[in-house]
């Protein structure tokens, strides 16, 4: 019975550490870029877009599709980095297993 209590304490401690790590992801900022830096997107570790910066040279009224592509590329770059960070940070607790709904 003592082993069960000790194991439950360890599980509770790990859960608390995981929650703290998830919260801390929200404070981490990743940046995605495209077009050689003419479009920059910042996201946090919770995969929320924080800002989009578009330099004037990226705006061509005759080629709106190019700007749209640059924005999509930068957003996807930033989100990929956020996903990698979340996997790295939370992987410490899951041993690399993907647990649905965890992150």
C-alpha atoms as a PDB file:
ATOM      1  CA  UNK A   1       0.000   0.000   0.000  1.00  0.00           C
ATOM      2  CA  UNK A   2       2.898   2.333   0.762  1.00  0.00           C
ATOM      3  CA  UNK A   3       4.240   1.859  -2.762  1.00  0.00           C
ATOM      4  CA  UNK A   4       0.839   2.828  -4.194  1.00  0.00           C
ATOM      5  CA  UNK A   5       0.765   6.048  -2.159  1.00  0.00           C
ATOM      6  CA  UNK A   6       4.296   6.899  -3.234  1.00  0.00           C
ATOM      7  CA  UNK A   7       3.432   6.214  -6.868  1.00  0.00           C
ATOM      8  CA  UNK A   8       0.341   8.440  -6.646  1.00  0.00           C
ATOM      9  CA  UNK A   9       2.458  11.251  -5.190  1.00  0.00           C
ATOM     10  CA  UNK A  10       4.901  10.898  -8.081  1.00  0.00           C
ATOM     11  CA  UNK A  11       2.050  10.975 -10.625  1.00  0.00           C
ATOM     12  CA  UNK A  12       0.600  14.084  -8.999  1.00  0.00           C
ATOM     13  CA  UNK A  13       4.011  15.780  -9.032  1.00  0.00           C
ATOM     14  CA  UNK A  14       4.472  14.936 -12.708  1.00  0.00           C
ATOM     15  CA  UNK A  15       1.015  16.316 -13.521  1.00  0.00           C
ATOM     16  CA  UNK A  16       1.874  19.575 -11.763  1.00  0.00           C
ATOM     17  CA  UNK A  17       5.148  19.810 -13.680  1.00  0.00           C
ATOM     18  CA  UNK A  18       3.337  19.162 -16.970  1.00  0.00           C
ATOM     19  CA  UNK A  19       0.767  21.869 -16.254  1.00  0.00           C
ATOM     20  CA  UNK A  20       3.522  24.319 -15.414  1.00  0.00           C
ATOM     21  CA  UNK A  21       5.395  23.438 -18.630  1.00  0.00           C
ATOM     22  CA  UNK A  22       2.204  23.929 -20.662  1.00  0.00           C
ATOM     23  CA  UNK A  23       1.633  27.337 -19.077  1.00  0.00           C
ATOM     24  CA  UNK A  24       5.231  28.347 -19.769  1.00  0.00           C
ATOM     25  CA  UNK A  25       4.776  27.527 -23.460  1.00  0.00           C
ATOM     26  CA  UNK A  26       2.447  30.527 -23.642  1.00  0.00           C
ATOM     27  CA  UNK A  27       5.323  32.797 -22.662  1.00  0.00           C
ATOM     28  CA  UNK A  28       7.666  31.498 -25.363  1.00  0.00           C
ATOM     29  CA  UNK A  29       7.649  33.264 -28.724  1.00  0.00           C
ATOM     30  CA  UNK A  30       8.720  31.768 -32.034  1.00  0.00           C
ATOM     31  CA  UNK A  31       9.162  33.700 -35.246  1.00  0.00           C
ATOM     32  CA  UNK A  32       8.469  32.534 -38.774  1.00  0.00           C
ATOM     33  CA  UNK A  33       9.673  34.392 -41.837  1.00  0.00           C
ATOM     34  CA  UNK A  34       9.316  34.294 -45.591  1.00  0.00           C
ATOM     35  CA  UNK A  35      10.466  36.216 -48.623  1.00  0.00           C
ATOM     36  CA  UNK A  36      13.889  36.783 -47.150  1.00  0.00           C
ATOM     37  CA  UNK A  37      12.408  38.456 -44.097  1.00  0.00           C
ATOM     38  CA  UNK A  38       9.820  40.705 -45.748  1.00  0.00           C
ATOM     39  CA  UNK A  39       7.085  38.907 -43.824  1.00  0.00           C
ATOM     40  CA  UNK A  40       7.570  38.011 -40.145  1.00  0.00           C
ATOM     41  CA  UNK A  41       5.039  36.245 -37.962  1.00  0.00           C
ATOM     42  CA  UNK A  42       5.320  35.720 -34.209  1.00  0.00           C
ATOM     43  CA  UNK A  43       3.406  32.996 -32.383  1.00  0.00           C
ATOM     44  CA  UNK A  44       3.507  31.764 -28.815  1.00  0.00           C
ATOM     45  CA  UNK A  45       3.935  28.206 -27.661  1.00  0.00           C
ATOM     46  CA  UNK A  46       0.156  27.818 -27.534  1.00  0.00           C
ATOM     47  CA  UNK A  47       0.143  28.374 -31.318  1.00  0.00           C
ATOM     48  CA  UNK A  48      -1.559  31.756 -31.116  1.00  0.00           C
ATOM     49  CA  UNK A  49      -0.490  34.362 -33.670  1.00  0.00           C
ATOM     50  CA  UNK A  50       0.834  37.386 -31.778  1.00  0.00           C
ATOM     51  CA  UNK A  51       1.869  39.636 -34.644  1.00  0.00           C
ATOM     52  CA  UNK A  52       2.384  39.855 -38.393  1.00  0.00           C
ATOM     53  CA  UNK A  53       4.919  42.307 -39.774  1.00  0.00           C
ATOM     54  CA  UNK A  54       4.910  43.028 -43.513  1.00  0.00           C
ATOM     55  CA  UNK A  55       7.586  45.254 -44.991  1.00  0.00           C
ATOM     56  CA  UNK A  56       6.391  47.717 -47.653  1.00  0.00           C
ATOM     57  CA  UNK A  57       8.466  46.069 -50.383  1.00  0.00           C
ATOM     58  CA  UNK A  58       6.318  42.937 -49.993  1.00  0.00           C
ATOM     59  CA  UNK A  59       3.185  44.818 -51.046  1.00  0.00           C
ATOM     60  CA  UNK A  60       2.532  44.847 -54.782  1.00  0.00           C
ATOM     61  CA  UNK A  61      -1.088  45.742 -55.618  1.00  0.00           C
ATOM     62  CA  UNK A  62      -0.716  43.881 -58.899  1.00  0.00           C
ATOM     63  CA  UNK A  63       0.380  40.656 -57.169  1.00  0.00           C
ATOM     64  CA  UNK A  64      -1.778  40.151 -54.090  1.00  0.00           C
ATOM     65  CA  UNK A  65      -1.417  36.369 -54.415  1.00  0.00           C
ATOM     66  CA  UNK A  66       2.321  36.638 -53.775  1.00  0.00           C
ATOM     67  CA  UNK A  67       1.706  38.506 -50.517  1.00  0.00           C
ATOM     68  CA  UNK A  68      -0.873  35.922 -49.468  1.00  0.00           C
ATOM     69  CA  UNK A  69       1.639  33.139 -50.161  1.00  0.00           C
ATOM     70  CA  UNK A  70       4.331  34.941 -48.161  1.00  0.00           C
ATOM     71  CA  UNK A  71       1.996  35.336 -45.194  1.00  0.00           C
ATOM     72  CA  UNK A  72       0.916  31.685 -45.314  1.00  0.00           C
ATOM     73  CA  UNK A  73       4.515  30.535 -45.500  1.00  0.00           C
ATOM     74  CA  UNK A  74       5.575  32.698 -42.542  1.00  0.00           C
ATOM     75  CA  UNK A  75       2.587  31.616 -40.414  1.00  0.00           C
ATOM     76  CA  UNK A  76       3.207  27.945 -41.154  1.00  0.00           C
ATOM     77  CA  UNK A  77       6.917  28.369 -40.398  1.00  0.00           C
ATOM     78  CA  UNK A  78       6.137  29.923 -37.013  1.00  0.00           C
ATOM     79  CA  UNK A  79       3.498  27.307 -36.164  1.00  0.00           C
ATOM     80  CA  UNK A  80       5.883  24.498 -37.076  1.00  0.00           C
ATOM     81  CA  UNK A  81       8.453  25.967 -34.702  1.00  0.00           C
ATOM     82  CA  UNK A  82       5.812  26.239 -31.961  1.00  0.00           C
ATOM     83  CA  UNK A  83       4.825  22.599 -32.490  1.00  0.00           C
ATOM     84  CA  UNK A  84       8.463  21.492 -32.332  1.00  0.00           C
ATOM     85  CA  UNK A  85       8.979  23.465 -29.131  1.00  0.00           C
ATOM     86  CA  UNK A  86       5.856  21.969 -27.547  1.00  0.00           C
ATOM     87  CA  UNK A  87       6.950  18.463 -28.527  1.00  0.00           C
ATOM     88  CA  UNK A  88      10.412  19.106 -27.110  1.00  0.00           C
ATOM     89  CA  UNK A  89       9.195  20.622 -23.840  1.00  0.00           C
ATOM     90  CA  UNK A  90       6.387  18.145 -23.223  1.00  0.00           C
ATOM     91  CA  UNK A  91       8.354  15.173 -24.530  1.00  0.00           C
ATOM     92  CA  UNK A  92      10.287  15.237 -21.266  1.00  0.00           C
ATOM     93  CA  UNK A  93       7.139  14.000 -19.557  1.00  0.00           C
ATOM     94  CA  UNK A  94       5.685  11.707 -22.198  1.00  0.00           C
ATOM     95  CA  UNK A  95       8.853   9.978 -23.331  1.00  0.00           C
ATOM     96  CA  UNK A  96       8.090  11.029 -26.912  1.00  0.00           C
ATOM     97  CA  UNK A  97       4.600   9.490 -26.933  1.00  0.00           C
ATOM     98  CA  UNK A  98       1.944  11.669 -28.544  1.00  0.00           C
ATOM     99  CA  UNK A  99      -0.941  11.914 -26.116  1.00  0.00           C
ATOM    100  CA  UNK A 100      -4.083  13.361 -27.775  1.00  0.00           C
ATOM    101  CA  UNK A 101      -5.259  16.631 -26.264  1.00  0.00           C
ATOM    102  CA  UNK A 102      -2.106  17.153 -24.220  1.00  0.00           C
ATOM    103  CA  UNK A 103      -0.478  19.720 -26.524  1.00  0.00           C
END
